[in-house]
N, C-alpha and C. Protein backbone atom coordinates (compact mmCIF):
# COMPACT_ATOMS: atom_id res chain seq x y z
N MET A 1 -11.42 -18.59 -25.27
CA MET A 1 -10.80 -17.53 -24.51
C MET A 1 -10.12 -18.12 -23.28
N ALA A 2 -8.89 -17.72 -23.06
CA ALA A 2 -8.13 -18.23 -21.92
C ALA A 2 -8.67 -17.65 -20.62
N VAL A 3 -8.60 -18.44 -19.58
CA VAL A 3 -9.00 -17.97 -18.26
C VAL A 3 -7.85 -17.15 -17.68
N GLN A 4 -8.09 -15.87 -17.39
CA GLN A 4 -7.04 -14.96 -16.93
C GLN A 4 -6.80 -15.03 -15.43
N LEU A 5 -7.81 -15.37 -14.64
CA LEU A 5 -7.69 -15.29 -13.19
C LEU A 5 -7.42 -16.64 -12.56
N THR A 6 -6.35 -17.28 -13.03
CA THR A 6 -5.89 -18.53 -12.41
C THR A 6 -4.39 -18.42 -12.21
N PHE A 7 -3.88 -19.23 -11.32
CA PHE A 7 -2.44 -19.21 -11.07
C PHE A 7 -1.64 -19.84 -12.21
N ASP A 8 -2.34 -20.42 -13.19
CA ASP A 8 -1.67 -20.88 -14.40
C ASP A 8 -1.27 -19.70 -15.29
N ASN A 9 -1.92 -18.57 -15.10
CA ASN A 9 -1.58 -17.35 -15.82
C ASN A 9 -0.46 -16.65 -15.04
N PRO A 10 0.74 -16.53 -15.61
CA PRO A 10 1.85 -15.93 -14.87
C PRO A 10 1.59 -14.48 -14.48
N VAL A 11 0.81 -13.76 -15.26
CA VAL A 11 0.50 -12.37 -14.91
C VAL A 11 -0.36 -12.33 -13.65
N PHE A 12 -1.38 -13.18 -13.62
CA PHE A 12 -2.24 -13.21 -12.42
C PHE A 12 -1.45 -13.69 -11.20
N ALA A 13 -0.60 -14.70 -11.39
CA ALA A 13 0.19 -15.21 -10.27
C ALA A 13 1.08 -14.11 -9.69
N GLN A 14 1.70 -13.34 -10.56
CA GLN A 14 2.55 -12.22 -10.10
C GLN A 14 1.70 -11.18 -9.38
N PHE A 15 0.55 -10.83 -9.98
CA PHE A 15 -0.33 -9.84 -9.36
C PHE A 15 -0.81 -10.32 -8.00
N ALA A 16 -1.20 -11.58 -7.90
CA ALA A 16 -1.68 -12.12 -6.63
C ALA A 16 -0.58 -12.03 -5.57
N PHE A 17 0.66 -12.35 -5.95
CA PHE A 17 1.77 -12.29 -5.00
C PHE A 17 2.02 -10.86 -4.53
N TYR A 18 2.26 -9.96 -5.48
CA TYR A 18 2.62 -8.59 -5.11
C TYR A 18 1.44 -7.84 -4.50
N GLY A 19 0.24 -8.11 -4.96
CA GLY A 19 -0.94 -7.49 -4.35
C GLY A 19 -1.09 -7.92 -2.90
N THR A 20 -0.86 -9.19 -2.64
CA THR A 20 -0.96 -9.70 -1.27
C THR A 20 0.13 -9.10 -0.38
N VAL A 21 1.34 -8.96 -0.91
CA VAL A 21 2.41 -8.31 -0.15
C VAL A 21 1.96 -6.90 0.26
N CYS A 22 1.40 -6.16 -0.68
CA CYS A 22 0.96 -4.78 -0.39
C CYS A 22 -0.17 -4.75 0.63
N VAL A 23 -1.14 -5.63 0.49
CA VAL A 23 -2.26 -5.65 1.43
C VAL A 23 -1.78 -6.04 2.83
N LEU A 24 -0.92 -7.06 2.92
CA LEU A 24 -0.40 -7.46 4.23
C LEU A 24 0.44 -6.36 4.87
N LYS A 25 1.19 -5.62 4.05
CA LYS A 25 1.96 -4.50 4.59
C LYS A 25 1.02 -3.42 5.12
N THR A 26 -0.06 -3.16 4.40
CA THR A 26 -1.06 -2.19 4.86
C THR A 26 -1.66 -2.64 6.18
N MET A 27 -1.99 -3.91 6.27
CA MET A 27 -2.54 -4.45 7.52
C MET A 27 -1.52 -4.37 8.65
N ALA A 28 -0.26 -4.57 8.35
CA ALA A 28 0.78 -4.50 9.38
C ALA A 28 0.87 -3.11 9.98
N MET A 29 0.49 -2.10 9.21
CA MET A 29 0.54 -0.73 9.74
C MET A 29 -0.39 -0.57 10.95
N SER A 30 -1.48 -1.32 11.00
CA SER A 30 -2.35 -1.29 12.18
C SER A 30 -1.59 -1.77 13.41
N MET A 31 -0.85 -2.85 13.25
CA MET A 31 -0.08 -3.38 14.38
C MET A 31 1.05 -2.43 14.79
N ILE A 32 1.65 -1.77 13.82
CA ILE A 32 2.71 -0.81 14.14
C ILE A 32 2.11 0.38 14.89
N THR A 33 0.92 0.80 14.51
CA THR A 33 0.25 1.88 15.24
C THR A 33 -0.05 1.46 16.67
N ILE A 34 -0.55 0.26 16.85
CA ILE A 34 -0.82 -0.25 18.21
C ILE A 34 0.47 -0.29 19.02
N TYR A 35 1.54 -0.78 18.41
CA TYR A 35 2.83 -0.82 19.09
C TYR A 35 3.26 0.58 19.54
N GLN A 36 3.13 1.55 18.65
CA GLN A 36 3.51 2.94 18.99
C GLN A 36 2.65 3.46 20.15
N ARG A 37 1.36 3.17 20.11
CA ARG A 37 0.49 3.62 21.20
C ARG A 37 0.88 2.97 22.52
N LEU A 38 1.15 1.68 22.50
CA LEU A 38 1.50 0.97 23.74
C LEU A 38 2.83 1.45 24.30
N THR A 39 3.82 1.59 23.45
CA THR A 39 5.14 1.98 23.95
C THR A 39 5.16 3.44 24.39
N ARG A 40 4.27 4.25 23.85
CA ARG A 40 4.23 5.68 24.22
C ARG A 40 3.17 5.96 25.28
N GLN A 41 2.43 4.92 25.68
CA GLN A 41 1.39 5.02 26.71
C GLN A 41 0.31 6.04 26.37
N VAL A 42 -0.11 6.06 25.11
CA VAL A 42 -1.18 6.96 24.70
C VAL A 42 -2.29 6.17 24.00
N VAL A 43 -3.51 6.59 24.24
CA VAL A 43 -4.67 5.99 23.58
C VAL A 43 -5.50 7.12 22.99
N ALA A 44 -6.38 6.79 22.06
CA ALA A 44 -7.21 7.79 21.42
C ALA A 44 -8.59 7.91 22.08
N ASN A 45 -8.97 6.93 22.88
CA ASN A 45 -10.28 6.92 23.52
C ASN A 45 -10.13 6.58 24.99
N MET A 46 -10.92 7.23 25.83
CA MET A 46 -10.81 6.99 27.28
C MET A 46 -11.00 5.52 27.62
N GLU A 47 -11.94 4.86 26.96
CA GLU A 47 -12.23 3.46 27.29
C GLU A 47 -11.11 2.51 26.88
N ASP A 48 -10.15 3.01 26.10
CA ASP A 48 -9.02 2.17 25.68
C ASP A 48 -7.90 2.11 26.71
N ARG A 49 -8.01 2.86 27.78
CA ARG A 49 -6.98 2.85 28.82
C ARG A 49 -6.98 1.48 29.50
N LEU A 50 -5.88 0.77 29.35
CA LEU A 50 -5.77 -0.58 29.92
C LEU A 50 -4.92 -0.61 31.18
N VAL A 51 -3.98 0.29 31.26
CA VAL A 51 -3.08 0.32 32.41
C VAL A 51 -3.01 1.75 32.96
N LYS A 52 -2.68 1.82 34.22
CA LYS A 52 -2.55 3.13 34.86
C LYS A 52 -1.42 3.91 34.19
N GLY A 53 -1.66 5.17 33.98
CA GLY A 53 -0.64 6.02 33.37
C GLY A 53 -0.89 6.32 31.90
N GLN A 54 -1.77 5.55 31.27
CA GLN A 54 -2.06 5.85 29.87
C GLN A 54 -2.86 7.14 29.79
N LYS A 55 -2.57 7.92 28.78
CA LYS A 55 -3.24 9.20 28.58
C LYS A 55 -4.04 9.15 27.27
N THR A 56 -5.14 9.89 27.28
CA THR A 56 -5.89 10.07 26.04
C THR A 56 -5.24 11.23 25.30
N VAL A 57 -4.63 10.91 24.16
CA VAL A 57 -3.89 11.90 23.38
C VAL A 57 -4.28 11.75 21.92
N PHE A 58 -4.56 12.87 21.28
CA PHE A 58 -4.96 12.84 19.88
C PHE A 58 -3.87 13.32 18.94
N ASN A 59 -2.78 13.81 19.48
CA ASN A 59 -1.77 14.43 18.61
C ASN A 59 -0.35 14.01 18.94
N ASP A 60 -0.16 12.79 19.39
CA ASP A 60 1.19 12.30 19.61
C ASP A 60 1.92 12.25 18.27
N VAL A 61 3.08 12.86 18.19
CA VAL A 61 3.79 13.02 16.92
C VAL A 61 4.10 11.67 16.27
N VAL A 62 4.60 10.73 17.05
CA VAL A 62 5.01 9.43 16.50
C VAL A 62 3.79 8.61 16.07
N VAL A 63 2.78 8.58 16.91
CA VAL A 63 1.57 7.82 16.59
C VAL A 63 0.90 8.41 15.34
N GLU A 64 0.82 9.72 15.27
CA GLU A 64 0.18 10.36 14.13
C GLU A 64 0.97 10.14 12.83
N ARG A 65 2.29 10.13 12.92
CA ARG A 65 3.11 9.84 11.73
C ARG A 65 2.80 8.42 11.24
N THR A 66 2.70 7.48 12.16
CA THR A 66 2.40 6.10 11.80
C THR A 66 1.00 5.99 11.19
N ARG A 67 0.05 6.69 11.79
CA ARG A 67 -1.32 6.67 11.26
C ARG A 67 -1.40 7.29 9.86
N ARG A 68 -0.65 8.36 9.64
CA ARG A 68 -0.66 8.98 8.30
C ARG A 68 -0.04 8.04 7.27
N CYS A 69 0.98 7.32 7.67
CA CYS A 69 1.60 6.35 6.76
C CYS A 69 0.58 5.26 6.41
N HIS A 70 -0.16 4.79 7.41
CA HIS A 70 -1.19 3.78 7.18
C HIS A 70 -2.28 4.33 6.26
N GLN A 71 -2.71 5.55 6.51
CA GLN A 71 -3.74 6.18 5.67
C GLN A 71 -3.26 6.29 4.23
N ASN A 72 -1.98 6.64 4.04
CA ASN A 72 -1.43 6.74 2.70
C ASN A 72 -1.46 5.39 2.00
N ASP A 73 -1.16 4.32 2.74
CA ASP A 73 -1.26 2.98 2.17
C ASP A 73 -2.69 2.69 1.71
N ILE A 74 -3.66 3.00 2.56
CA ILE A 74 -5.06 2.74 2.21
C ILE A 74 -5.43 3.48 0.93
N GLU A 75 -4.94 4.71 0.80
CA GLU A 75 -5.27 5.53 -0.35
C GLU A 75 -4.58 5.08 -1.64
N ASN A 76 -3.54 4.25 -1.53
CA ASN A 76 -2.79 3.84 -2.71
C ASN A 76 -2.85 2.35 -3.00
N VAL A 77 -2.83 1.52 -1.97
CA VAL A 77 -2.81 0.06 -2.20
C VAL A 77 -4.13 -0.42 -2.78
N PHE A 78 -5.23 0.09 -2.30
CA PHE A 78 -6.50 -0.42 -2.80
C PHE A 78 -6.78 0.00 -4.25
N PRO A 79 -6.42 1.20 -4.68
CA PRO A 79 -6.50 1.47 -6.12
C PRO A 79 -5.59 0.54 -6.93
N PHE A 80 -4.41 0.22 -6.39
CA PHE A 80 -3.52 -0.72 -7.08
C PHE A 80 -4.20 -2.07 -7.24
N ILE A 81 -4.86 -2.54 -6.20
CA ILE A 81 -5.53 -3.84 -6.27
C ILE A 81 -6.66 -3.80 -7.29
N LEU A 82 -7.44 -2.74 -7.28
CA LEU A 82 -8.57 -2.65 -8.22
C LEU A 82 -8.10 -2.50 -9.66
N VAL A 83 -7.23 -1.53 -9.92
CA VAL A 83 -6.76 -1.30 -11.28
C VAL A 83 -5.89 -2.47 -11.74
N GLY A 84 -5.05 -2.99 -10.85
CA GLY A 84 -4.19 -4.12 -11.20
C GLY A 84 -4.98 -5.35 -11.59
N GLY A 85 -6.08 -5.59 -10.89
CA GLY A 85 -6.94 -6.72 -11.25
C GLY A 85 -7.54 -6.57 -12.64
N LEU A 86 -7.96 -5.36 -12.97
CA LEU A 86 -8.47 -5.10 -14.32
C LEU A 86 -7.36 -5.20 -15.35
N TYR A 87 -6.19 -4.73 -14.98
CA TYR A 87 -5.01 -4.79 -15.86
C TYR A 87 -4.68 -6.24 -16.23
N VAL A 88 -4.77 -7.14 -15.27
CA VAL A 88 -4.53 -8.56 -15.55
C VAL A 88 -5.46 -9.05 -16.65
N LEU A 89 -6.70 -8.57 -16.64
CA LEU A 89 -7.69 -9.01 -17.63
C LEU A 89 -7.41 -8.51 -19.03
N THR A 90 -6.51 -7.52 -19.18
CA THR A 90 -6.18 -7.03 -20.51
C THR A 90 -5.19 -7.95 -21.22
N GLY A 91 -4.65 -8.94 -20.51
CA GLY A 91 -3.68 -9.85 -21.11
C GLY A 91 -2.36 -9.18 -21.43
N PRO A 92 -1.79 -8.44 -20.48
CA PRO A 92 -0.55 -7.71 -20.77
C PRO A 92 0.63 -8.65 -20.93
N ASP A 93 1.68 -8.12 -21.52
CA ASP A 93 2.94 -8.86 -21.61
C ASP A 93 3.40 -9.19 -20.19
N PRO A 94 3.75 -10.44 -19.91
CA PRO A 94 4.14 -10.82 -18.55
C PRO A 94 5.31 -10.01 -17.99
N TRP A 95 6.29 -9.68 -18.84
CA TRP A 95 7.44 -8.92 -18.35
C TRP A 95 7.00 -7.53 -17.89
N TRP A 96 6.19 -6.84 -18.71
CA TRP A 96 5.73 -5.50 -18.35
C TRP A 96 4.80 -5.53 -17.15
N ALA A 97 3.97 -6.54 -17.07
CA ALA A 97 3.08 -6.66 -15.92
C ALA A 97 3.90 -6.83 -14.63
N ALA A 98 4.88 -7.74 -14.68
CA ALA A 98 5.73 -7.94 -13.50
C ALA A 98 6.47 -6.66 -13.14
N PHE A 99 6.91 -5.92 -14.15
CA PHE A 99 7.58 -4.64 -13.91
C PHE A 99 6.66 -3.70 -13.14
N HIS A 100 5.41 -3.56 -13.58
CA HIS A 100 4.44 -2.70 -12.89
C HIS A 100 4.23 -3.15 -11.45
N PHE A 101 3.99 -4.44 -11.27
CA PHE A 101 3.67 -4.96 -9.94
C PHE A 101 4.86 -4.81 -8.99
N ARG A 102 6.05 -5.13 -9.47
CA ARG A 102 7.25 -5.02 -8.63
C ARG A 102 7.58 -3.57 -8.31
N LEU A 103 7.44 -2.71 -9.31
CA LEU A 103 7.74 -1.29 -9.10
C LEU A 103 6.81 -0.70 -8.04
N PHE A 104 5.53 -0.97 -8.16
CA PHE A 104 4.59 -0.42 -7.18
C PHE A 104 4.89 -0.97 -5.79
N THR A 105 5.08 -2.27 -5.68
CA THR A 105 5.33 -2.88 -4.37
C THR A 105 6.62 -2.34 -3.75
N GLY A 106 7.67 -2.25 -4.53
CA GLY A 106 8.92 -1.69 -4.02
C GLY A 106 8.75 -0.25 -3.56
N CYS A 107 8.02 0.53 -4.33
CA CYS A 107 7.77 1.93 -3.94
C CYS A 107 7.00 2.01 -2.63
N ARG A 108 6.01 1.15 -2.44
CA ARG A 108 5.24 1.20 -1.19
C ARG A 108 6.11 0.80 0.00
N LEU A 109 6.97 -0.22 -0.19
CA LEU A 109 7.84 -0.63 0.92
C LEU A 109 8.81 0.49 1.28
N PHE A 110 9.45 1.08 0.28
CA PHE A 110 10.39 2.17 0.55
C PHE A 110 9.66 3.42 1.06
N HIS A 111 8.44 3.67 0.59
CA HIS A 111 7.66 4.79 1.09
C HIS A 111 7.43 4.64 2.59
N THR A 112 7.07 3.45 3.02
CA THR A 112 6.83 3.20 4.44
C THR A 112 8.09 3.43 5.26
N ILE A 113 9.21 2.92 4.78
CA ILE A 113 10.47 3.12 5.49
C ILE A 113 10.78 4.61 5.59
N ALA A 114 10.62 5.32 4.49
CA ALA A 114 10.90 6.76 4.48
C ALA A 114 9.97 7.51 5.42
N TYR A 115 8.71 7.09 5.47
CA TYR A 115 7.74 7.77 6.32
C TYR A 115 8.03 7.50 7.80
N LEU A 116 8.19 6.24 8.15
CA LEU A 116 8.36 5.89 9.56
C LEU A 116 9.68 6.37 10.15
N PHE A 117 10.72 6.45 9.32
CA PHE A 117 12.02 6.87 9.82
C PHE A 117 12.35 8.32 9.46
N ALA A 118 11.33 9.05 8.99
CA ALA A 118 11.45 10.48 8.68
C ALA A 118 12.66 10.78 7.80
N ILE A 119 12.84 9.97 6.77
CA ILE A 119 13.92 10.22 5.81
C ILE A 119 13.55 11.47 5.02
N PRO A 120 14.48 12.41 4.89
CA PRO A 120 14.15 13.69 4.22
C PRO A 120 13.64 13.50 2.80
N GLN A 121 12.82 14.45 2.39
CA GLN A 121 12.32 14.48 1.02
C GLN A 121 13.49 14.72 0.08
N PRO A 122 13.44 14.25 -1.12
CA PRO A 122 12.27 13.75 -1.85
C PRO A 122 12.08 12.24 -1.76
N ALA A 123 12.66 11.58 -0.78
CA ALA A 123 12.57 10.11 -0.71
C ALA A 123 11.12 9.63 -0.73
N ARG A 124 10.32 10.13 0.20
CA ARG A 124 8.94 9.67 0.30
C ARG A 124 8.11 10.14 -0.89
N ALA A 125 8.26 11.38 -1.27
CA ALA A 125 7.48 11.93 -2.38
C ALA A 125 7.78 11.21 -3.69
N SER A 126 9.03 10.88 -3.92
CA SER A 126 9.37 10.19 -5.17
C SER A 126 8.79 8.78 -5.19
N MET A 127 8.80 8.10 -4.05
CA MET A 127 8.20 6.76 -3.99
C MET A 127 6.70 6.82 -4.21
N PHE A 128 6.06 7.83 -3.61
CA PHE A 128 4.63 8.01 -3.83
C PHE A 128 4.35 8.28 -5.32
N GLY A 129 5.10 9.20 -5.90
CA GLY A 129 4.88 9.58 -7.29
C GLY A 129 5.09 8.44 -8.26
N ILE A 130 6.17 7.70 -8.08
CA ILE A 130 6.43 6.56 -8.98
C ILE A 130 5.31 5.52 -8.84
N GLY A 131 4.90 5.23 -7.61
CA GLY A 131 3.81 4.28 -7.40
C GLY A 131 2.51 4.76 -8.02
N TRP A 132 2.24 6.05 -7.87
CA TRP A 132 1.02 6.63 -8.42
C TRP A 132 1.02 6.52 -9.94
N PHE A 133 2.13 6.88 -10.57
CA PHE A 133 2.21 6.79 -12.04
C PHE A 133 2.16 5.33 -12.52
N THR A 134 2.60 4.40 -11.70
CA THR A 134 2.49 2.99 -12.05
C THR A 134 1.02 2.58 -12.16
N ILE A 135 0.21 3.03 -11.20
CA ILE A 135 -1.23 2.74 -11.27
C ILE A 135 -1.84 3.42 -12.49
N ILE A 136 -1.45 4.66 -12.75
CA ILE A 136 -1.97 5.38 -13.93
C ILE A 136 -1.61 4.63 -15.20
N SER A 137 -0.38 4.13 -15.30
CA SER A 137 0.05 3.38 -16.48
C SER A 137 -0.83 2.15 -16.70
N MET A 138 -1.08 1.41 -15.63
CA MET A 138 -1.95 0.24 -15.76
C MET A 138 -3.37 0.68 -16.13
N GLY A 139 -3.82 1.78 -15.52
CA GLY A 139 -5.16 2.28 -15.80
C GLY A 139 -5.33 2.69 -17.25
N VAL A 140 -4.33 3.33 -17.81
CA VAL A 140 -4.40 3.72 -19.23
C VAL A 140 -4.49 2.47 -20.10
N SER A 141 -3.74 1.44 -19.76
CA SER A 141 -3.83 0.18 -20.51
C SER A 141 -5.24 -0.40 -20.45
N VAL A 142 -5.84 -0.34 -19.28
CA VAL A 142 -7.22 -0.85 -19.13
C VAL A 142 -8.17 -0.02 -19.97
N LEU A 143 -8.03 1.30 -19.89
CA LEU A 143 -8.94 2.17 -20.65
C LEU A 143 -8.79 1.96 -22.15
N LEU A 144 -7.57 1.81 -22.61
CA LEU A 144 -7.34 1.61 -24.05
C LEU A 144 -7.91 0.27 -24.51
N ARG A 145 -7.76 -0.73 -23.68
CA ARG A 145 -8.26 -2.07 -24.03
C ARG A 145 -9.79 -2.12 -23.94
N GLY A 146 -10.35 -1.39 -23.00
CA GLY A 146 -11.79 -1.48 -22.78
C GLY A 146 -12.60 -0.39 -23.44
N ARG A 147 -11.95 0.45 -24.23
CA ARG A 147 -12.68 1.57 -24.83
C ARG A 147 -13.81 1.06 -25.72
N PHE A 148 -14.83 1.90 -25.83
CA PHE A 148 -15.97 1.51 -26.67
C PHE A 148 -16.43 2.69 -27.49
C-alpha cells in the first residue's frame, strides 16, 4: 500500500499547500481584527485599554464585520482541513483533488474580500456556497470509499 501522507504524493502536497494557505488566512484575520480595533480606538475589555482615549465597545460596525468574517473562516476552513485530509486518503485523481483544493481556497479568499469590503450579495453568499459544496463533494467521496 502506498503511503498517502507524504509530499511524494501530489494530492497530499497540493492539500498541504492549499490547506496551509487557508489556515494562515484564517490566522491573519486575528491580526486584521487587532488592526481594526487599534485604528478605531476600541477594545472589548476594560483591561485592554492601552492608551488614553480607547473605549470599551462591543458593537463597532467595522470591528464586528471583521470578527464575523473571521468566525466564518473558523466555521469553514477547519471542516475543509478535516474532510480534505480524509479525502487525500481515498486516493483521488490528482486533477480532481487539485480542483477541489483550489476551488475552496479561491472561494475563501474571495469571500474574505467580499466580506471586508462589503461587496453586495450574491458575491459573498456564492463564495460561501461554492466552498461549502466543495467540502460536501469531498465528504461524499470519503463516505463512498469508507462505507461498510
